[in-house]
């Protein structure tokens, strides 16, 4: 897990295992998790890919 993912995981109150599984496509993204990612993420206007 990269440093940015770890920081986002901590800020959003998500488990690192869960975020890693999302990243590898082993878990389905729930809308509540997506809201946390956008609320606590640091996006600079770039594109966000959910696939």
PDB file of N, CA and C in Angstrom:
ATOM      1  N   UNK A   1       0.856  -1.167   0.000  1.00  0.00           N
ATOM      2  CA  UNK A   1       0.000   0.000   0.000  1.00  0.00           C
ATOM      3  C   UNK A   1       0.899   1.225   0.000  1.00  0.00           C
ATOM      4  N   UNK A   2       0.614   2.158  -0.900  1.00  0.00           N
ATOM      5  CA  UNK A   2       1.440   3.354  -0.992  1.00  0.00           C
ATOM      6  C   UNK A   2       1.099   4.317   0.149  1.00  0.00           C
ATOM      7  N   UNK A   3       1.962   5.268   0.369  1.00  0.00           N
ATOM      8  CA  UNK A   3       1.808   6.218   1.474  1.00  0.00           C
ATOM      9  C   UNK A   3       0.498   6.999   1.371  1.00  0.00           C
ATOM     10  N   UNK A   4       0.109   7.397   0.155  1.00  0.00           N
ATOM     11  CA  UNK A   4      -1.129   8.156  -0.030  1.00  0.00           C
ATOM     12  C   UNK A   4      -2.350   7.335   0.366  1.00  0.00           C
ATOM     13  N   UNK A   5      -2.352   6.053  -0.007  1.00  0.00           N
ATOM     14  CA  UNK A   5      -3.471   5.184   0.373  1.00  0.00           C
ATOM     15  C   UNK A   5      -3.532   5.020   1.882  1.00  0.00           C
ATOM     16  N   UNK A   6      -2.396   4.870   2.518  1.00  0.00           N
ATOM     17  CA  UNK A   6      -2.356   4.707   3.956  1.00  0.00           C
ATOM     18  C   UNK A   6      -2.875   5.952   4.663  1.00  0.00           C
ATOM     19  N   UNK A   7      -2.492   7.130   4.197  1.00  0.00           N
ATOM     20  CA  UNK A   7      -2.975   8.373   4.790  1.00  0.00           C
ATOM     21  C   UNK A   7      -4.479   8.515   4.609  1.00  0.00           C
ATOM     22  N   UNK A   8      -4.981   8.207   3.412  1.00  0.00           N
ATOM     23  CA  UNK A   8      -6.420   8.276   3.159  1.00  0.00           C
ATOM     24  C   UNK A   8      -7.164   7.286   4.041  1.00  0.00           C
ATOM     25  N   UNK A   9      -6.634   6.093   4.166  1.00  0.00           N
ATOM     26  CA  UNK A   9      -7.249   5.066   5.005  1.00  0.00           C
ATOM     27  C   UNK A   9      -7.383   5.558   6.439  1.00  0.00           C
ATOM     28  N   UNK A  10      -6.331   6.160   6.953  1.00  0.00           N
ATOM     29  CA  UNK A  10      -6.362   6.666   8.324  1.00  0.00           C
ATOM     30  C   UNK A  10      -7.343   7.821   8.484  1.00  0.00           C
ATOM     31  N   UNK A  11      -7.328   8.764   7.546  1.00  0.00           N
ATOM     32  CA  UNK A  11      -8.234   9.922   7.643  1.00  0.00           C
ATOM     33  C   UNK A  11      -9.697   9.514   7.524  1.00  0.00           C
ATOM     34  N   UNK A  12      -9.987   8.541   6.664  1.00  0.00           N
ATOM     35  CA  UNK A  12     -11.371   8.137   6.411  1.00  0.00           C
ATOM     36  C   UNK A  12     -11.870   7.093   7.398  1.00  0.00           C
ATOM     37  N   UNK A  13     -11.004   6.565   8.243  1.00  0.00           N
ATOM     38  CA  UNK A  13     -11.420   5.559   9.207  1.00  0.00           C
ATOM     39  C   UNK A  13     -11.714   4.212   8.571  1.00  0.00           C
ATOM     40  N   UNK A  14     -10.991   3.885   7.512  1.00  0.00           N
ATOM     41  CA  UNK A  14     -11.177   2.616   6.818  1.00  0.00           C
ATOM     42  C   UNK A  14     -10.060   1.654   7.199  1.00  0.00           C
ATOM     43  N   UNK A  15     -10.320   0.375   7.085  1.00  0.00           N
ATOM     44  CA  UNK A  15      -9.299  -0.637   7.346  1.00  0.00           C
ATOM     45  C   UNK A  15      -8.376  -0.759   6.140  1.00  0.00           C
ATOM     46  N   UNK A  16      -7.082  -0.882   6.393  1.00  0.00           N
ATOM     47  CA  UNK A  16      -6.123  -1.004   5.301  1.00  0.00           C
ATOM     48  C   UNK A  16      -6.377  -2.249   4.464  1.00  0.00           C
ATOM     49  N   UNK A  17      -6.780  -3.344   5.110  1.00  0.00           N
ATOM     50  CA  UNK A  17      -7.081  -4.575   4.362  1.00  0.00           C
ATOM     51  C   UNK A  17      -8.217  -4.351   3.380  1.00  0.00           C
ATOM     52  N   UNK A  18      -9.249  -3.641   3.812  1.00  0.00           N
ATOM     53  CA  UNK A  18     -10.408  -3.373   2.970  1.00  0.00           C
ATOM     54  C   UNK A  18     -10.019  -2.520   1.765  1.00  0.00           C
ATOM     55  N   UNK A  19      -9.245  -1.475   2.003  1.00  0.00           N
ATOM     56  CA  UNK A  19      -8.822  -0.600   0.904  1.00  0.00           C
ATOM     57  C   UNK A  19      -7.931  -1.369  -0.071  1.00  0.00           C
ATOM     58  N   UNK A  20      -7.058  -2.222   0.439  1.00  0.00           N
ATOM     59  CA  UNK A  20      -6.226  -3.046  -0.429  1.00  0.00           C
ATOM     60  C   UNK A  20      -7.054  -3.989  -1.284  1.00  0.00           C
ATOM     61  N   UNK A  21      -8.097  -4.567  -0.685  1.00  0.00           N
ATOM     62  CA  UNK A  21      -8.980  -5.467  -1.435  1.00  0.00           C
ATOM     63  C   UNK A  21      -9.758  -4.694  -2.493  1.00  0.00           C
ATOM     64  N   UNK A  22     -10.161  -3.469  -2.184  1.00  0.00           N
ATOM     65  CA  UNK A  22     -10.825  -2.627  -3.184  1.00  0.00           C
ATOM     66  C   UNK A  22      -9.877  -2.356  -4.339  1.00  0.00           C
ATOM     67  N   UNK A  23      -8.640  -2.028  -4.010  1.00  0.00           N
ATOM     68  CA  UNK A  23      -7.643  -1.710  -5.024  1.00  0.00           C
ATOM     69  C   UNK A  23      -7.393  -2.891  -5.953  1.00  0.00           C
ATOM     70  N   UNK A  24      -7.433  -4.103  -5.420  1.00  0.00           N
ATOM     71  CA  UNK A  24      -7.203  -5.309  -6.231  1.00  0.00           C
ATOM     72  C   UNK A  24      -8.480  -5.854  -6.865  1.00  0.00           C
ATOM     73  N   UNK A  25      -9.619  -5.203  -6.609  1.00  0.00           N
ATOM     74  CA  UNK A  25     -10.874  -5.642  -7.202  1.00  0.00           C
ATOM     75  C   UNK A  25     -11.487  -6.849  -6.527  1.00  0.00           C
ATOM     76  N   UNK A  26     -11.101  -7.121  -5.291  1.00  0.00           N
ATOM     77  CA  UNK A  26     -11.631  -8.287  -4.576  1.00  0.00           C
ATOM     78  C   UNK A  26     -12.855  -7.957  -3.731  1.00  0.00           C
ATOM     79  N   UNK A  27     -13.122  -6.689  -3.540  1.00  0.00           N
ATOM     80  CA  UNK A  27     -14.308  -6.240  -2.806  1.00  0.00           C
ATOM     81  C   UNK A  27     -15.055  -5.253  -3.675  1.00  0.00           C
ATOM     82  N   UNK A  28     -16.365  -5.185  -3.473  1.00  0.00           N
ATOM     83  CA  UNK A  28     -17.160  -4.201  -4.182  1.00  0.00           C
ATOM     84  C   UNK A  28     -17.239  -2.940  -3.341  1.00  0.00           C
ATOM     85  N   UNK A  29     -17.193  -1.801  -4.013  1.00  0.00           N
ATOM     86  CA  UNK A  29     -17.214  -0.514  -3.354  1.00  0.00           C
ATOM     87  C   UNK A  29     -18.641  -0.159  -2.950  1.00  0.00           C
ATOM     88  N   UNK A  30     -18.829   0.126  -1.666  1.00  0.00           N
ATOM     89  CA  UNK A  30     -20.135   0.546  -1.171  1.00  0.00           C
ATOM     90  C   UNK A  30     -20.221   2.066  -1.257  1.00  0.00           C
ATOM     91  N   UNK A  31     -21.417   2.605  -1.423  1.00  0.00           N
ATOM     92  CA  UNK A  31     -21.592   4.048  -1.577  1.00  0.00           C
ATOM     93  C   UNK A  31     -21.079   4.801  -0.351  1.00  0.00           C
ATOM     94  N   UNK A  32     -21.227   4.223   0.841  1.00  0.00           N
ATOM     95  CA  UNK A  32     -20.748   4.881   2.063  1.00  0.00           C
ATOM     96  C   UNK A  32     -19.222   5.016   2.038  1.00  0.00           C
ATOM     97  N   UNK A  33     -18.561   3.992   1.522  1.00  0.00           N
ATOM     98  CA  UNK A  33     -17.108   4.031   1.422  1.00  0.00           C
ATOM     99  C   UNK A  33     -16.676   5.061   0.384  1.00  0.00           C
ATOM    100  N   UNK A  34     -17.378   5.106  -0.722  1.00  0.00           N
ATOM    101  CA  UNK A  34     -17.074   6.088  -1.758  1.00  0.00           C
ATOM    102  C   UNK A  34     -17.214   7.505  -1.207  1.00  0.00           C
ATOM    103  N   UNK A  35     -18.245   7.744  -0.420  1.00  0.00           N
ATOM    104  CA  UNK A  35     -18.434   9.061   0.197  1.00  0.00           C
ATOM    105  C   UNK A  35     -17.267   9.411   1.114  1.00  0.00           C
ATOM    106  N   UNK A  36     -16.800   8.450   1.900  1.00  0.00           N
ATOM    107  CA  UNK A  36     -15.656   8.690   2.793  1.00  0.00           C
ATOM    108  C   UNK A  36     -14.400   8.993   1.989  1.00  0.00           C
ATOM    109  N   UNK A  37     -14.193   8.260   0.912  1.00  0.00           N
ATOM    110  CA  UNK A  37     -13.001   8.471   0.092  1.00  0.00           C
ATOM    111  C   UNK A  37     -13.009   9.883  -0.490  1.00  0.00           C
ATOM    112  N   UNK A  38     -14.155  10.324  -0.988  1.00  0.00           N
ATOM    113  CA  UNK A  38     -14.228  11.665  -1.548  1.00  0.00           C
ATOM    114  C   UNK A  38     -14.175  12.742  -0.475  1.00  0.00           C
ATOM    115  N   UNK A  39     -14.731  12.478   0.691  1.00  0.00           N
ATOM    116  CA  UNK A  39     -14.722  13.459   1.775  1.00  0.00           C
ATOM    117  C   UNK A  39     -13.314  13.665   2.325  1.00  0.00           C
ATOM    118  N   UNK A  40     -12.570  12.594   2.492  1.00  0.00           N
ATOM    119  CA  UNK A  40     -11.266  12.677   3.138  1.00  0.00           C
ATOM    120  C   UNK A  40     -10.101  12.612   2.167  1.00  0.00           C
ATOM    121  N   UNK A  41     -10.380  12.373   0.891  1.00  0.00           N
ATOM    122  CA  UNK A  41      -9.315  12.297  -0.105  1.00  0.00           C
ATOM    123  C   UNK A  41      -8.798  13.676  -0.455  1.00  0.00           C
ATOM    124  N   UNK A  42      -7.624  13.699  -1.010  1.00  0.00           N
ATOM    125  CA  UNK A  42      -7.000  14.946  -1.429  1.00  0.00           C
ATOM    126  C   UNK A  42      -6.918  14.927  -2.950  1.00  0.00           C
ATOM    127  N   UNK A  43      -7.973  15.404  -3.595  1.00  0.00           N
ATOM    128  CA  UNK A  43      -8.045  15.361  -5.046  1.00  0.00           C
ATOM    129  C   UNK A  43      -7.706  16.734  -5.601  1.00  0.00           C
ATOM    130  N   UNK A  44      -6.868  16.762  -6.605  1.00  0.00           N
ATOM    131  CA  UNK A  44      -6.397  18.034  -7.170  1.00  0.00           C
ATOM    132  C   UNK A  44      -7.031  18.340  -8.520  1.00  0.00           C
ATOM    133  N   UNK A  45      -8.229  17.862  -8.733  1.00  0.00           N
ATOM    134  CA  UNK A  45      -8.905  18.127  -9.997  1.00  0.00           C
ATOM    135  C   UNK A  45      -8.629  17.094 -11.074  1.00  0.00           C
ATOM    136  N   UNK A  46      -7.830  16.086 -10.760  1.00  0.00           N
ATOM    137  CA  UNK A  46      -7.550  15.028 -11.720  1.00  0.00           C
ATOM    138  C   UNK A  46      -8.717  14.072 -11.834  1.00  0.00           C
ATOM    139  N   UNK A  47      -8.606  13.119 -12.684  1.00  0.00           N
ATOM    140  CA  UNK A  47      -9.674  12.145 -12.859  1.00  0.00           C
ATOM    141  C   UNK A  47      -9.578  11.052 -11.811  1.00  0.00           C
ATOM    142  N   UNK A  48     -10.726  10.520 -11.461  1.00  0.00           N
ATOM    143  CA  UNK A  48     -10.792   9.409 -10.512  1.00  0.00           C
ATOM    144  C   UNK A  48     -11.383   8.225 -11.260  1.00  0.00           C
ATOM    145  N   UNK A  49     -10.666   7.133 -11.281  1.00  0.00           N
ATOM    146  CA  UNK A  49     -11.132   5.938 -11.959  1.00  0.00           C
ATOM    147  C   UNK A  49     -11.670   4.959 -10.942  1.00  0.00           C
ATOM    148  N   UNK A  50     -12.871   4.454 -11.153  1.00  0.00           N
ATOM    149  CA  UNK A  50     -13.465   3.498 -10.242  1.00  0.00           C
ATOM    150  C   UNK A  50     -13.470   2.089 -10.825  1.00  0.00           C
ATOM    151  N   UNK A  51     -12.830   1.912 -11.956  1.00  0.00           N
ATOM    152  CA  UNK A  51     -12.825   0.582 -12.569  1.00  0.00           C
ATOM    153  C   UNK A  51     -11.544  -0.143 -12.296  1.00  0.00           C
TER     154      UNK A  51
END
